[in-house]
């Protein structure tokens, strides 16, 4: 007999974590660290030909996606 409860896949749990994290203040607590790190990379690579400066928000978005924004997995 089916219980009617469907188990979420890992991907679905990851999506749910991303959606929930945007409202958590602790996620935004990393902004200063991300900004400082990206600025250091930008300064270090500024003299490299064809280097385009990184946007710290893009790096934050990549971290958000790769970490699952607080997912325990």
C-alpha atoms as a PDB file:
ATOM      1  CA  UNK A   1       0.000   0.000   0.000  1.00  0.00           C
ATOM      2  CA  UNK A   2       1.382   3.412  -0.947  1.00  0.00           C
ATOM      3  CA  UNK A   3       1.609   5.922   1.848  1.00  0.00           C
ATOM      4  CA  UNK A   4       0.926   8.891  -0.422  1.00  0.00           C
ATOM      5  CA  UNK A   5       4.180  10.537   0.652  1.00  0.00           C
ATOM      6  CA  UNK A   6       6.676  10.921  -2.149  1.00  0.00           C
ATOM      7  CA  UNK A   7      10.316  11.125  -1.227  1.00  0.00           C
ATOM      8  CA  UNK A   8      12.139  14.097  -2.711  1.00  0.00           C
ATOM      9  CA  UNK A   9      15.140  13.506  -4.909  1.00  0.00           C
ATOM     10  CA  UNK A  10      18.491  15.048  -4.029  1.00  0.00           C
ATOM     11  CA  UNK A  11      17.957  17.586  -6.780  1.00  0.00           C
ATOM     12  CA  UNK A  12      14.560  18.580  -5.400  1.00  0.00           C
ATOM     13  CA  UNK A  13      16.030  19.009  -1.905  1.00  0.00           C
ATOM     14  CA  UNK A  14      18.830  21.120  -3.410  1.00  0.00           C
ATOM     15  CA  UNK A  15      16.301  23.332  -5.233  1.00  0.00           C
ATOM     16  CA  UNK A  16      14.281  23.746  -2.054  1.00  0.00           C
ATOM     17  CA  UNK A  17      17.420  24.733  -0.148  1.00  0.00           C
ATOM     18  CA  UNK A  18      18.300  27.382  -2.705  1.00  0.00           C
ATOM     19  CA  UNK A  19      14.818  28.851  -2.609  1.00  0.00           C
ATOM     20  CA  UNK A  20      14.784  28.981   1.195  1.00  0.00           C
ATOM     21  CA  UNK A  21      18.301  30.384   1.628  1.00  0.00           C
ATOM     22  CA  UNK A  22      17.668  33.700  -0.070  1.00  0.00           C
ATOM     23  CA  UNK A  23      15.663  34.856   2.940  1.00  0.00           C
ATOM     24  CA  UNK A  24      18.235  33.764   5.541  1.00  0.00           C
ATOM     25  CA  UNK A  25      20.337  36.610   6.910  1.00  0.00           C
ATOM     26  CA  UNK A  26      23.272  34.288   7.632  1.00  0.00           C
ATOM     27  CA  UNK A  27      23.696  33.623   3.906  1.00  0.00           C
ATOM     28  CA  UNK A  28      24.263  37.346   3.350  1.00  0.00           C
ATOM     29  CA  UNK A  29      26.795  37.344   6.193  1.00  0.00           C
ATOM     30  CA  UNK A  30      29.390  36.007   3.734  1.00  0.00           C
ATOM     31  CA  UNK A  31      29.103  39.022   1.421  1.00  0.00           C
ATOM     32  CA  UNK A  32      32.017  40.959   2.931  1.00  0.00           C
ATOM     33  CA  UNK A  33      34.337  37.938   2.748  1.00  0.00           C
ATOM     34  CA  UNK A  34      33.366  37.255  -0.847  1.00  0.00           C
ATOM     35  CA  UNK A  35      33.859  40.912  -1.779  1.00  0.00           C
ATOM     36  CA  UNK A  36      37.328  41.044  -0.174  1.00  0.00           C
ATOM     37  CA  UNK A  37      38.440  37.831  -1.842  1.00  0.00           C
ATOM     38  CA  UNK A  38      37.191  38.837  -5.277  1.00  0.00           C
ATOM     39  CA  UNK A  39      38.824  42.260  -4.917  1.00  0.00           C
ATOM     40  CA  UNK A  40      42.138  40.560  -4.073  1.00  0.00           C
ATOM     41  CA  UNK A  41      41.876  38.412  -7.216  1.00  0.00           C
ATOM     42  CA  UNK A  42      40.956  41.442  -9.302  1.00  0.00           C
ATOM     43  CA  UNK A  43      43.939  43.420  -7.986  1.00  0.00           C
ATOM     44  CA  UNK A  44      46.325  40.500  -8.479  1.00  0.00           C
ATOM     45  CA  UNK A  45      45.195  39.835 -12.053  1.00  0.00           C
ATOM     46  CA  UNK A  46      44.601  43.450 -13.111  1.00  0.00           C
ATOM     47  CA  UNK A  47      47.813  43.592 -15.162  1.00  0.00           C
ATOM     48  CA  UNK A  48      47.024  40.424 -17.086  1.00  0.00           C
ATOM     49  CA  UNK A  49      46.076  41.085 -20.683  1.00  0.00           C
ATOM     50  CA  UNK A  50      42.421  40.453 -21.502  1.00  0.00           C
ATOM     51  CA  UNK A  51      41.541  39.971 -17.837  1.00  0.00           C
ATOM     52  CA  UNK A  52      37.964  41.006 -17.107  1.00  0.00           C
ATOM     53  CA  UNK A  53      37.258  41.886 -13.504  1.00  0.00           C
ATOM     54  CA  UNK A  54      35.071  39.486 -11.597  1.00  0.00           C
ATOM     55  CA  UNK A  55      31.811  40.639 -10.097  1.00  0.00           C
ATOM     56  CA  UNK A  56      31.558  39.468  -6.491  1.00  0.00           C
ATOM     57  CA  UNK A  57      27.828  38.814  -6.967  1.00  0.00           C
ATOM     58  CA  UNK A  58      28.564  36.320  -9.722  1.00  0.00           C
ATOM     59  CA  UNK A  59      31.031  34.537  -7.426  1.00  0.00           C
ATOM     60  CA  UNK A  60      28.408  34.530  -4.662  1.00  0.00           C
ATOM     61  CA  UNK A  61      25.891  33.009  -7.063  1.00  0.00           C
ATOM     62  CA  UNK A  62      28.367  30.286  -8.019  1.00  0.00           C
ATOM     63  CA  UNK A  63      29.034  29.529  -4.348  1.00  0.00           C
ATOM     64  CA  UNK A  64      25.306  29.469  -3.674  1.00  0.00           C
ATOM     65  CA  UNK A  65      24.676  26.957  -6.435  1.00  0.00           C
ATOM     66  CA  UNK A  66      27.681  24.749  -5.697  1.00  0.00           C
ATOM     67  CA  UNK A  67      27.083  24.556  -1.964  1.00  0.00           C
ATOM     68  CA  UNK A  68      23.322  24.171  -2.213  1.00  0.00           C
ATOM     69  CA  UNK A  69      22.992  27.322  -0.098  1.00  0.00           C
ATOM     70  CA  UNK A  70      22.986  25.572   3.214  1.00  0.00           C
ATOM     71  CA  UNK A  71      22.063  22.085   2.080  1.00  0.00           C
ATOM     72  CA  UNK A  72      23.485  19.382   4.291  1.00  0.00           C
ATOM     73  CA  UNK A  73      24.574  17.372   1.243  1.00  0.00           C
END
